[in-house]
Amino acid sequence: MEGTIPNLGNLDLRRLLLYNNELEGPIPDTLWSNTGLLDLRLDNNNLVGGLSARLGNLVDLLDLRLDHNRLTGPLPATIAALDNLRT
């Protein structure tokens, strides 16, 4: 797939596996409203920008993979709230 990640709010997602594509642009802020996410894989794309502090809303998250993108800036301090995060 190519292009930007669409608005993914209010979908009650458990897994979002969009790795190894040609997605570009920032991670949409609406993504962080999917508080039931267990797996979020956006690795190996061309995503840019920083991570929202709303990342801390994903308290059930087990697997977060964002490597091999063009993301910038620090990790938000709210990542410390992700007690279940393994990867």
N, C-alpha and C. Protein backbone atom coordinates (compact mmCIF):
# COMPACT_ATOMS: atom_id res chain seq x y z
N MET A 1 0.84 -1.17 0.00
CA MET A 1 0.00 0.00 0.00
C MET A 1 0.89 1.23 0.00
N GLU A 2 0.34 2.31 -0.52
CA GLU A 2 1.06 3.57 -0.52
C GLU A 2 0.10 4.70 -0.18
N GLY A 3 0.65 5.84 0.15
CA GLY A 3 -0.16 6.99 0.54
C GLY A 3 -0.09 7.21 2.04
N THR A 4 -1.07 7.91 2.57
CA THR A 4 -1.09 8.22 4.00
C THR A 4 -2.01 7.25 4.73
N ILE A 5 -1.81 7.15 6.02
CA ILE A 5 -2.70 6.34 6.86
C ILE A 5 -4.01 7.10 7.02
N PRO A 6 -5.14 6.49 6.71
CA PRO A 6 -6.42 7.19 6.82
C PRO A 6 -6.85 7.38 8.28
N ASN A 7 -7.90 8.10 8.49
CA ASN A 7 -8.49 8.30 9.80
C ASN A 7 -8.95 6.94 10.33
N LEU A 8 -8.38 6.51 11.43
CA LEU A 8 -8.69 5.19 11.98
C LEU A 8 -9.30 5.28 13.37
N GLY A 9 -9.92 6.39 13.69
CA GLY A 9 -10.55 6.55 15.00
C GLY A 9 -11.88 5.83 15.06
N ASN A 10 -12.31 5.47 16.25
CA ASN A 10 -13.62 4.86 16.51
C ASN A 10 -13.82 3.53 15.79
N LEU A 11 -12.77 2.74 15.63
CA LEU A 11 -12.90 1.45 14.96
C LEU A 11 -12.77 0.26 15.90
N ASP A 12 -12.37 0.46 17.12
CA ASP A 12 -12.18 -0.61 18.09
C ASP A 12 -11.22 -1.68 17.55
N LEU A 13 -10.07 -1.23 17.06
CA LEU A 13 -9.07 -2.13 16.50
C LEU A 13 -8.32 -2.88 17.60
N ARG A 14 -7.96 -4.12 17.34
CA ARG A 14 -7.12 -4.91 18.24
C ARG A 14 -5.71 -5.04 17.65
N ARG A 15 -5.63 -5.16 16.35
CA ARG A 15 -4.35 -5.27 15.66
C ARG A 15 -4.37 -4.38 14.43
N LEU A 16 -3.30 -3.65 14.25
CA LEU A 16 -3.12 -2.85 13.04
C LEU A 16 -1.74 -3.16 12.50
N LEU A 17 -1.72 -3.92 11.42
CA LEU A 17 -0.47 -4.42 10.85
C LEU A 17 -0.29 -3.81 9.46
N LEU A 18 0.39 -2.68 9.41
CA LEU A 18 0.61 -1.95 8.16
C LEU A 18 2.10 -1.87 7.83
N TYR A 19 2.85 -2.86 8.22
CA TYR A 19 4.29 -2.85 8.01
C TYR A 19 4.65 -3.27 6.59
N ASN A 20 5.88 -2.91 6.17
CA ASN A 20 6.43 -3.24 4.85
C ASN A 20 5.57 -2.70 3.71
N ASN A 21 5.20 -1.44 3.81
CA ASN A 21 4.45 -0.77 2.76
C ASN A 21 5.19 0.49 2.34
N GLU A 22 4.53 1.34 1.62
CA GLU A 22 5.09 2.63 1.22
C GLU A 22 4.21 3.75 1.76
N LEU A 23 3.79 3.60 3.01
CA LEU A 23 2.98 4.62 3.65
C LEU A 23 3.87 5.80 4.00
N GLU A 24 3.31 7.01 3.89
CA GLU A 24 4.10 8.21 4.15
C GLU A 24 3.27 9.21 4.93
N GLY A 25 3.92 10.27 5.37
CA GLY A 25 3.24 11.30 6.14
C GLY A 25 3.25 10.97 7.61
N PRO A 26 2.60 11.81 8.41
CA PRO A 26 2.58 11.58 9.86
C PRO A 26 1.60 10.48 10.26
N ILE A 27 1.78 9.97 11.45
CA ILE A 27 0.81 9.04 12.03
C ILE A 27 -0.38 9.88 12.46
N PRO A 28 -1.58 9.58 11.96
CA PRO A 28 -2.74 10.42 12.30
C PRO A 28 -3.07 10.34 13.79
N ASP A 29 -3.40 11.48 14.37
CA ASP A 29 -3.69 11.56 15.79
C ASP A 29 -4.88 10.68 16.18
N THR A 30 -5.80 10.43 15.25
CA THR A 30 -6.97 9.60 15.54
C THR A 30 -6.59 8.16 15.84
N LEU A 31 -5.43 7.72 15.40
CA LEU A 31 -5.00 6.34 15.66
C LEU A 31 -4.92 6.06 17.16
N TRP A 32 -4.52 7.06 17.94
CA TRP A 32 -4.30 6.88 19.36
C TRP A 32 -5.60 6.74 20.15
N SER A 33 -6.75 6.89 19.50
CA SER A 33 -8.04 6.69 20.20
C SER A 33 -8.47 5.23 20.20
N ASN A 34 -7.73 4.36 19.53
CA ASN A 34 -8.01 2.92 19.52
C ASN A 34 -7.36 2.27 20.74
N THR A 35 -7.94 2.53 21.90
CA THR A 35 -7.32 2.15 23.16
C THR A 35 -7.25 0.64 23.39
N GLY A 36 -7.94 -0.15 22.60
CA GLY A 36 -7.89 -1.60 22.73
C GLY A 36 -6.81 -2.26 21.90
N LEU A 37 -5.97 -1.46 21.22
CA LEU A 37 -4.92 -2.04 20.39
C LEU A 37 -3.97 -2.91 21.20
N LEU A 38 -3.70 -4.10 20.68
CA LEU A 38 -2.73 -5.01 21.26
C LEU A 38 -1.43 -4.99 20.46
N ASP A 39 -1.54 -4.93 19.14
CA ASP A 39 -0.40 -4.94 18.24
C ASP A 39 -0.51 -3.76 17.29
N LEU A 40 0.55 -2.97 17.22
CA LEU A 40 0.63 -1.85 16.28
C LEU A 40 1.95 -1.94 15.56
N ARG A 41 1.88 -2.32 14.29
CA ARG A 41 3.10 -2.47 13.48
C ARG A 41 3.01 -1.52 12.29
N LEU A 42 3.83 -0.49 12.35
CA LEU A 42 3.93 0.48 11.26
C LEU A 42 5.35 0.53 10.73
N ASP A 43 6.14 -0.48 11.04
CA ASP A 43 7.55 -0.50 10.66
C ASP A 43 7.72 -0.65 9.15
N ASN A 44 8.89 -0.21 8.68
CA ASN A 44 9.28 -0.31 7.27
C ASN A 44 8.32 0.44 6.34
N ASN A 45 8.12 1.70 6.64
CA ASN A 45 7.35 2.61 5.79
C ASN A 45 8.16 3.90 5.65
N ASN A 46 7.51 4.97 5.29
CA ASN A 46 8.16 6.28 5.17
C ASN A 46 7.43 7.31 6.02
N LEU A 47 7.03 6.92 7.21
CA LEU A 47 6.29 7.81 8.09
C LEU A 47 7.22 8.87 8.66
N VAL A 48 6.69 10.08 8.85
CA VAL A 48 7.49 11.21 9.33
C VAL A 48 6.82 11.85 10.54
N GLY A 49 7.54 12.73 11.19
CA GLY A 49 6.99 13.46 12.33
C GLY A 49 7.33 12.77 13.62
N GLY A 50 6.69 13.22 14.67
CA GLY A 50 6.93 12.67 16.00
C GLY A 50 5.78 11.82 16.47
N LEU A 51 5.96 11.24 17.64
CA LEU A 51 4.91 10.43 18.26
C LEU A 51 4.12 11.29 19.22
N SER A 52 2.83 11.14 19.19
CA SER A 52 1.94 11.88 20.08
C SER A 52 2.04 11.36 21.50
N ALA A 53 1.86 12.26 22.46
CA ALA A 53 1.79 11.85 23.86
C ALA A 53 0.59 10.94 24.09
N ARG A 54 -0.38 10.95 23.17
CA ARG A 54 -1.55 10.08 23.28
C ARG A 54 -1.19 8.61 23.11
N LEU A 55 0.04 8.31 22.72
CA LEU A 55 0.51 6.93 22.68
C LEU A 55 0.25 6.24 24.01
N GLY A 56 0.33 6.97 25.10
CA GLY A 56 0.10 6.43 26.43
C GLY A 56 -1.32 5.96 26.66
N ASN A 57 -2.26 6.30 25.76
CA ASN A 57 -3.64 5.82 25.85
C ASN A 57 -3.76 4.34 25.52
N LEU A 58 -2.77 3.78 24.86
CA LEU A 58 -2.85 2.39 24.38
C LEU A 58 -2.35 1.44 25.47
N VAL A 59 -3.03 1.43 26.60
CA VAL A 59 -2.56 0.71 27.79
C VAL A 59 -2.54 -0.81 27.64
N ASP A 60 -3.24 -1.36 26.66
CA ASP A 60 -3.23 -2.81 26.43
C ASP A 60 -2.16 -3.24 25.43
N LEU A 61 -1.43 -2.29 24.87
CA LEU A 61 -0.48 -2.57 23.80
C LEU A 61 0.61 -3.54 24.25
N LEU A 62 0.80 -4.60 23.46
CA LEU A 62 1.84 -5.59 23.72
C LEU A 62 3.03 -5.43 22.78
N ASP A 63 2.75 -5.07 21.53
CA ASP A 63 3.76 -5.05 20.48
C ASP A 63 3.66 -3.73 19.72
N LEU A 64 4.70 -2.91 19.76
CA LEU A 64 4.77 -1.64 19.06
C LEU A 64 6.03 -1.63 18.22
N ARG A 65 5.87 -1.54 16.92
CA ARG A 65 7.03 -1.54 16.02
C ARG A 65 6.92 -0.36 15.08
N LEU A 66 7.88 0.53 15.18
CA LEU A 66 7.89 1.75 14.39
C LEU A 66 9.22 1.95 13.66
N ASP A 67 10.09 0.96 13.71
CA ASP A 67 11.42 1.10 13.15
C ASP A 67 11.39 1.24 11.63
N HIS A 68 12.48 1.72 11.09
CA HIS A 68 12.66 1.92 9.65
C HIS A 68 11.61 2.85 9.06
N ASN A 69 11.43 3.99 9.71
CA ASN A 69 10.63 5.10 9.22
C ASN A 69 11.51 6.35 9.33
N ARG A 70 10.93 7.50 9.13
CA ARG A 70 11.67 8.75 9.27
C ARG A 70 11.06 9.57 10.41
N LEU A 71 10.70 8.91 11.49
CA LEU A 71 10.14 9.58 12.65
C LEU A 71 11.23 10.37 13.37
N THR A 72 10.84 11.50 13.96
CA THR A 72 11.81 12.36 14.64
C THR A 72 11.30 12.72 16.03
N GLY A 73 12.21 13.22 16.83
CA GLY A 73 11.84 13.70 18.16
C GLY A 73 11.95 12.60 19.20
N PRO A 74 11.74 13.01 20.44
CA PRO A 74 11.86 12.05 21.54
C PRO A 74 10.63 11.17 21.67
N LEU A 75 10.81 10.06 22.37
CA LEU A 75 9.65 9.25 22.74
C LEU A 75 8.86 10.02 23.79
N PRO A 76 7.54 10.02 23.68
CA PRO A 76 6.77 10.73 24.71
C PRO A 76 6.90 10.03 26.06
N ALA A 77 6.91 10.81 27.11
CA ALA A 77 7.03 10.26 28.47
C ALA A 77 5.89 9.32 28.80
N THR A 78 4.76 9.46 28.12
CA THR A 78 3.59 8.62 28.38
C THR A 78 3.82 7.17 27.99
N ILE A 79 4.90 6.88 27.28
CA ILE A 79 5.20 5.48 26.94
C ILE A 79 5.43 4.67 28.22
N ALA A 80 5.79 5.33 29.30
CA ALA A 80 6.00 4.64 30.58
C ALA A 80 4.71 4.05 31.13
N ALA A 81 3.55 4.51 30.65
CA ALA A 81 2.26 3.99 31.11
C ALA A 81 1.93 2.65 30.46
N LEU A 82 2.71 2.22 29.48
CA LEU A 82 2.41 0.99 28.75
C LEU A 82 3.05 -0.20 29.46
N ASP A 83 2.46 -0.60 30.56
CA ASP A 83 2.99 -1.67 31.40
C ASP A 83 3.03 -3.02 30.71
N ASN A 84 2.16 -3.26 29.72
CA ASN A 84 2.09 -4.55 29.04
C ASN A 84 3.01 -4.65 27.83
N LEU A 85 3.65 -3.55 27.46
CA LEU A 85 4.48 -3.50 26.26
C LEU A 85 5.67 -4.45 26.37
N ARG A 86 5.79 -5.32 25.37
CA ARG A 86 6.90 -6.30 25.35
C ARG A 86 7.89 -6.00 24.23
N THR A 87 7.38 -5.54 23.08
CA THR A 87 8.23 -5.30 21.91
C THR A 87 8.08 -3.86 21.48
